Amino acid sequence: MRSICVYCGSNAGSKPAYAERAIALGDRIARDGLRLVYGGGSIGLMGTVANAVLEAGGQVTGVIPKQLADWEVAHKGLTELEIVGSMHERKMRMFELSDAFVALPGGFGTMEEIFEMLTWRQLGIGSKPCAFLDIEDFYAPLIGMIDRMVEERFLHPDQRADLWYGRDIDRMLAWMRGYTPVQVGKAINEAHRNVMR
């Protein structure tokens, strides 16, 4: 693993713990010799994690749509900043540049980006690990909803197990380095139906 993509909020959130963990993750990414790939912003948790990597001597590639760059939220001090034409181009480019994906707390954009990577993984478009790094139980309700998807037979249990959820950065990175993607189809078959009864 050479690079890790971090999805997170362009706001800082309501608790200091969010920024503290973003800094810890950024510092660890740099110390492990990994490149950070992220959305290119200078504000919120996005700016916090990028600055932490840079301050620890690491490399950061930002990918930002021209519209957002024009709004003057692009980070000017990155190792590399790529300006693309659209959000669709941004997501594809970040996918191409990254070996793994992690979501810190964020809003609609963070959810949309990490779930698109999970969907691509489910469809066999990619084979890269996806993780939710939890802070102050931010993701606990969402993981509960994902578990409900399994219970209601909208998601295969193996695909639920194909994502990592937890608080420990060391464990997350170890899981990513040893990751082997599951090999199950999207459809839930009769065998699964019997197991869930």
Protein backbone atom coordinates (compact mmCIF):
# COMPACT_ATOMS: atom_id res chain seq x y z
CA MET A 1 0.00 0.00 0.00
CA ARG A 2 1.50 3.29 -1.12
CA SER A 3 -1.36 5.77 -0.88
CA ILE A 4 -4.52 6.19 1.16
CA CYS A 5 -7.53 8.30 0.28
CA VAL A 6 -9.28 10.08 3.13
CA TYR A 7 -12.84 11.34 2.76
CA CYS A 8 -13.95 13.82 5.42
CA GLY A 9 -15.87 17.00 6.08
CA SER A 10 -15.14 20.46 4.75
CA ASN A 11 -16.43 21.56 8.15
CA ALA A 12 -14.64 20.90 11.43
CA GLY A 13 -17.63 19.44 13.27
CA SER A 14 -18.82 20.16 16.78
CA LYS A 15 -16.18 18.32 18.84
CA PRO A 16 -12.43 18.88 19.20
CA ALA A 17 -11.97 15.09 19.04
CA TYR A 18 -12.71 15.14 15.30
CA ALA A 19 -9.74 17.38 14.53
CA GLU A 20 -7.55 15.57 17.04
CA ARG A 21 -8.11 12.21 15.32
CA ALA A 22 -7.71 13.75 11.86
CA ILE A 23 -4.31 15.05 12.99
CA ALA A 24 -3.38 11.65 14.42
CA LEU A 25 -4.34 9.93 11.17
CA GLY A 26 -2.45 12.44 9.05
CA ASP A 27 0.65 12.11 11.20
CA ARG A 28 0.50 8.32 10.97
CA ILE A 29 0.05 8.39 7.19
CA ALA A 30 3.21 10.48 6.87
CA ARG A 31 5.23 8.39 9.35
CA ASP A 32 4.28 5.22 7.47
CA GLY A 33 5.57 6.72 4.22
CA LEU A 34 2.14 6.75 2.62
CA ARG A 35 0.82 9.46 0.33
CA LEU A 36 -2.44 11.14 1.29
CA VAL A 37 -5.00 11.54 -1.49
CA TYR A 38 -7.95 13.75 -0.60
CA GLY A 39 -10.36 16.34 -1.93
CA GLY A 40 -7.91 19.24 -2.10
CA GLY A 41 -9.65 21.59 0.34
CA SER A 42 -8.02 23.91 2.86
CA ILE A 43 -10.91 24.04 5.32
CA GLY A 44 -12.56 21.76 7.85
CA LEU A 45 -11.27 18.27 8.55
CA MET A 46 -9.99 18.15 4.97
CA GLY A 47 -7.49 20.91 5.66
CA THR A 48 -6.68 19.47 9.08
CA VAL A 49 -5.67 16.03 7.83
CA ALA A 50 -3.72 17.47 4.89
CA ASN A 51 -1.81 19.88 7.11
CA ALA A 52 -0.99 17.09 9.56
CA VAL A 53 0.56 15.01 6.78
CA LEU A 54 2.55 17.98 5.46
CA GLU A 55 3.77 19.02 8.91
CA ALA A 56 5.03 15.46 9.47
CA GLY A 57 6.98 15.60 6.20
CA GLY A 58 4.57 13.53 4.12
CA GLN A 59 3.27 13.83 0.58
CA VAL A 60 -0.25 15.05 -0.23
CA THR A 61 -2.16 15.00 -3.51
CA GLY A 62 -5.39 16.97 -3.64
CA VAL A 63 -8.03 16.55 -6.34
CA ILE A 64 -10.58 19.33 -6.58
CA PRO A 65 -13.19 20.37 -9.16
CA LYS A 66 -12.61 23.74 -10.82
CA GLN A 67 -15.80 25.17 -9.32
CA LEU A 68 -14.57 24.58 -5.78
CA ALA A 69 -11.08 25.82 -6.63
CA ASP A 70 -12.70 29.02 -7.98
CA TRP A 71 -14.44 29.47 -4.63
CA GLU A 72 -10.94 29.76 -3.12
CA VAL A 73 -11.16 26.69 -0.90
CA ALA A 74 -8.31 24.85 -2.64
CA HIS A 75 -5.25 24.18 -0.48
CA LYS A 76 -2.30 26.14 -1.89
CA GLY A 77 0.47 24.30 -0.06
CA LEU A 78 0.08 20.71 -1.20
CA THR A 79 2.72 18.51 -2.78
CA GLU A 80 0.41 18.27 -5.78
CA LEU A 81 -3.00 19.75 -6.60
CA GLU A 82 -5.01 18.44 -9.54
CA ILE A 83 -7.92 20.56 -10.76
CA VAL A 84 -10.56 18.57 -12.63
CA GLY A 85 -13.76 19.48 -14.43
CA SER A 86 -16.40 17.77 -12.31
CA MET A 87 -17.16 15.75 -9.20
CA HIS A 88 -17.36 12.62 -11.34
CA GLU A 89 -13.82 13.21 -12.61
CA ARG A 90 -12.66 13.90 -9.08
CA LYS A 91 -13.95 10.57 -7.74
CA MET A 92 -12.46 8.60 -10.60
CA ARG A 93 -9.10 10.31 -10.27
CA MET A 94 -8.99 9.75 -6.52
CA PHE A 95 -9.83 6.09 -7.14
CA GLU A 96 -6.97 5.81 -9.64
CA LEU A 97 -4.46 7.43 -7.26
CA SER A 98 -5.41 5.48 -4.12
CA ASP A 99 -4.79 2.00 -2.76
CA ALA A 100 -7.30 2.24 0.11
CA PHE A 101 -10.13 4.47 1.31
CA VAL A 102 -11.07 5.70 4.77
CA ALA A 103 -13.94 7.91 5.90
CA LEU A 104 -13.53 10.30 8.80
CA PRO A 105 -16.64 12.20 9.95
CA GLY A 106 -18.30 14.34 7.31
CA GLY A 107 -21.55 15.19 5.58
CA PHE A 108 -23.30 14.28 2.34
CA GLY A 109 -20.13 14.43 0.24
CA THR A 110 -18.19 12.12 2.54
CA MET A 111 -21.05 9.60 2.60
CA GLU A 112 -21.51 9.73 -1.15
CA GLU A 113 -17.81 9.21 -1.86
CA ILE A 114 -17.18 6.28 0.50
CA PHE A 115 -20.42 4.56 -0.49
CA GLU A 116 -19.55 4.86 -4.16
CA MET A 117 -16.26 3.09 -3.44
CA LEU A 118 -18.15 0.39 -1.50
CA THR A 119 -20.57 0.01 -4.42
CA TRP A 120 -17.73 -0.29 -6.92
CA ARG A 121 -16.16 -2.91 -4.64
CA GLN A 122 -19.48 -4.78 -4.51
CA LEU A 123 -19.73 -4.75 -8.31
CA GLY A 124 -16.13 -5.89 -8.78
CA ILE A 125 -15.02 -2.61 -10.35
CA GLY A 126 -12.25 -2.30 -7.79
CA SER A 127 -10.60 -4.46 -5.16
CA LYS A 128 -9.46 -1.78 -2.72
CA PRO A 129 -10.26 -1.77 1.02
CA CYS A 130 -12.75 0.69 2.52
CA ALA A 131 -12.91 1.69 6.19
CA PHE A 132 -14.89 3.89 8.56
CA LEU A 133 -12.58 5.35 11.21
CA ASP A 134 -14.98 6.16 14.03
CA ILE A 135 -14.66 9.08 16.42
CA GLU A 136 -16.99 9.55 19.40
CA ASP A 137 -19.42 6.97 17.92
CA PHE A 138 -20.09 9.23 14.92
CA TYR A 139 -20.52 6.24 12.61
CA ALA A 140 -22.30 3.90 15.03
CA PRO A 141 -25.83 4.70 13.74
CA LEU A 142 -24.68 4.29 10.13
CA ILE A 143 -23.08 0.92 10.83
CA GLY A 144 -26.32 -0.06 12.55
CA MET A 145 -28.15 0.81 9.34
CA ILE A 146 -25.72 -1.27 7.31
CA ASP A 147 -26.33 -4.19 9.66
CA ARG A 148 -30.07 -3.65 9.14
CA MET A 149 -29.48 -3.95 5.38
CA VAL A 150 -28.03 -7.40 6.03
CA GLU A 151 -30.91 -8.39 8.30
CA GLU A 152 -33.46 -7.29 5.70
CA ARG A 153 -31.57 -9.07 2.89
CA PHE A 154 -30.53 -6.03 0.90
CA LEU A 155 -26.84 -6.66 1.55
CA HIS A 156 -24.85 -9.90 1.62
CA PRO A 157 -23.23 -10.54 5.03
CA ASP A 158 -19.87 -11.18 3.37
CA GLN A 159 -20.04 -7.72 1.81
CA ARG A 160 -20.81 -6.24 5.21
CA ALA A 161 -17.71 -8.01 6.50
CA ASP A 162 -15.74 -6.56 3.57
CA LEU A 163 -15.62 -3.13 5.19
CA TRP A 164 -13.71 -2.16 8.34
CA TYR A 165 -15.24 -0.19 11.18
CA GLY A 166 -13.48 0.86 14.36
CA ARG A 167 -11.46 3.50 16.20
CA ASP A 168 -7.92 2.15 16.16
CA ILE A 169 -5.67 3.55 13.43
CA ASP A 170 -3.07 0.79 13.88
CA ARG A 171 -5.68 -1.95 13.45
CA MET A 172 -7.22 -0.20 10.47
CA LEU A 173 -3.91 0.10 8.63
CA ALA A 174 -2.99 -3.51 9.45
CA TRP A 175 -6.36 -4.66 8.08
CA MET A 176 -5.84 -2.63 4.91
CA ARG A 177 -2.37 -4.07 4.34
CA GLY A 178 -3.66 -7.63 4.73
CA TYR A 179 -6.91 -7.06 2.86
CA THR A 180 -8.30 -9.75 0.59
CA PRO A 181 -11.57 -8.80 -1.17
CA VAL A 182 -14.54 -11.10 -0.80
CA GLN A 183 -15.72 -12.92 -3.89
CA VAL A 184 -19.50 -12.93 -3.76
CA GLY A 185 -22.08 -11.69 -6.21
CA LYS A 186 -24.37 -8.77 -5.51
CA ALA A 187 -27.51 -10.93 -5.58
CA ILE A 188 -28.46 -12.69 -2.34
CA ASN A 189 -28.99 -16.35 -3.19
CA GLU A 190 -31.27 -19.03 -1.75
CA ALA A 191 -28.57 -20.36 0.55
CA HIS A 192 -28.32 -16.95 2.18
CA ARG A 193 -32.14 -16.80 2.43
CA ASN A 194 -32.10 -20.05 4.43
CA VAL A 195 -29.31 -18.87 6.70
CA MET A 196 -31.19 -15.67 7.55
CA ARG A 197 -34.41 -17.52 8.52
